């Protein structure tokens, strides 16, 4: 049985600014990585590092489906 939790999260850089939607199984670590610009890419380039929202999902498939839903604006 898999007791791992997955998180869908939304980061932002400033009020009415840029948003980023992602999925992780370790929310604390992932937000730390964004804040400390550990991984090169979109969030580093645009300074997106403030956690605005997250949801807990029971499995990776539901987390990915929810991420796609949020990115699609549904």
Protein backbone atom coordinates (compact mmCIF):
# COMPACT_ATOMS: atom_id res chain seq x y z
CA UNK A 1 0.00 0.00 0.00
CA UNK A 2 1.29 3.45 -0.92
CA UNK A 3 0.81 6.06 1.82
CA UNK A 4 2.61 8.79 -0.09
CA UNK A 5 0.79 12.07 -0.55
CA UNK A 6 1.10 14.28 -3.59
CA UNK A 7 0.57 18.00 -3.78
CA UNK A 8 -0.64 20.30 -6.52
CA UNK A 9 0.59 23.80 -5.80
CA UNK A 10 0.43 27.31 -7.18
CA UNK A 11 3.29 29.77 -6.79
CA UNK A 12 3.29 33.46 -7.64
CA UNK A 13 5.85 36.25 -7.75
CA UNK A 14 3.76 39.30 -6.79
CA UNK A 15 0.16 40.43 -6.61
CA UNK A 16 -1.41 40.11 -10.06
CA UNK A 17 1.88 38.67 -11.29
CA UNK A 18 3.09 35.44 -12.83
CA UNK A 19 1.68 32.08 -11.69
CA UNK A 20 3.21 28.61 -11.75
CA UNK A 21 1.35 25.34 -11.19
CA UNK A 22 3.27 22.21 -10.23
CA UNK A 23 3.08 18.76 -8.66
CA UNK A 24 5.36 17.27 -6.00
CA UNK A 25 5.46 14.61 -3.30
CA UNK A 26 7.44 16.86 -0.92
CA UNK A 27 5.89 20.33 -0.77
CA UNK A 28 8.25 21.81 1.83
CA UNK A 29 11.35 20.74 -0.11
CA UNK A 30 9.95 21.88 -3.45
CA UNK A 31 8.97 25.35 -2.21
CA UNK A 32 12.45 25.67 -0.64
CA UNK A 33 13.98 24.79 -4.01
CA UNK A 34 11.91 27.49 -5.73
CA UNK A 35 12.74 30.13 -3.08
CA UNK A 36 16.45 29.34 -3.26
CA UNK A 37 16.46 29.11 -7.07
CA UNK A 38 18.06 25.66 -6.98
CA UNK A 39 16.57 24.49 -10.28
CA UNK A 40 17.01 26.52 -13.44
CA UNK A 41 13.87 27.23 -15.39
CA UNK A 42 10.67 29.22 -15.47
CA UNK A 43 10.32 29.94 -11.75
CA UNK A 44 13.94 31.03 -11.45
CA UNK A 45 13.71 33.26 -14.52
CA UNK A 46 10.55 35.03 -13.36
CA UNK A 47 11.16 34.98 -9.59
CA UNK A 48 8.09 32.86 -8.89
CA UNK A 49 8.63 31.66 -5.32
CA UNK A 50 5.63 32.48 -3.10
CA UNK A 51 3.24 29.65 -2.24
CA UNK A 52 -0.30 30.83 -2.84
CA UNK A 53 -2.27 27.58 -2.78
CA UNK A 54 -1.92 23.82 -2.53
CA UNK A 55 -4.09 20.71 -2.52
CA UNK A 56 -3.30 17.23 -1.19
CA UNK A 57 -3.96 14.32 -3.56
CA UNK A 58 -4.01 10.62 -2.73
CA UNK A 59 -2.05 9.50 -5.80
CA UNK A 60 0.11 10.85 -8.59
CA UNK A 61 -2.55 10.34 -11.28
CA UNK A 62 -5.11 12.50 -9.49
CA UNK A 63 -2.43 15.14 -8.80
CA UNK A 64 -1.45 15.32 -12.47
CA UNK A 65 -5.09 15.46 -13.56
CA UNK A 66 -5.75 18.33 -11.14
CA UNK A 67 -2.61 20.15 -12.32
CA UNK A 68 -3.81 19.91 -15.92
CA UNK A 69 -7.25 21.14 -14.87
CA UNK A 70 -5.74 24.19 -13.13
CA UNK A 71 -3.42 24.96 -16.04
CA UNK A 72 -6.33 24.69 -18.45
CA UNK A 73 -8.38 27.16 -16.45
CA UNK A 74 -11.18 24.67 -15.87
